[in-house]
Amino acid sequence: MNEQRKILEMLSEGSITVEEAYRLLEAVKDDNKGELLSKRVKEKIADSKKKIEDAMKKLNHKLENIGDKVSAAVKKVHVMDSEQTDNTEDTEENDQDE
């Protein structure tokens, strides 16, 4: 707004013509639009970055949970396999005793 006021003061003092003032005011307006657009783009980028970071945290948490479940399942299978091996050995020993 300061720039617009300065342009109007220059016009009233006769330092510039109406046509020059109009061109300057248009240039200031376009520049302000660019700054506003740039600010909005930066805000959108920051917002998107935050959303991506949040999504990555959730994904990492879910992957950790999956890893814990897979690990528990592998341990369970290992225990079951050990028990089955023990039972098979017991059965073979009993068969040999008979």
Foldseek 3Di string as FASTA:
>chain_A
DVQLVVLVVCCVVVVDDPVVSVVSVVVVVVVVVVVVVVVVVVVVVVVVVVVVVVVVVVVVVVVVVVVVVVVVVVVVVVVVVVVVVVVVVVVVVVVVVD
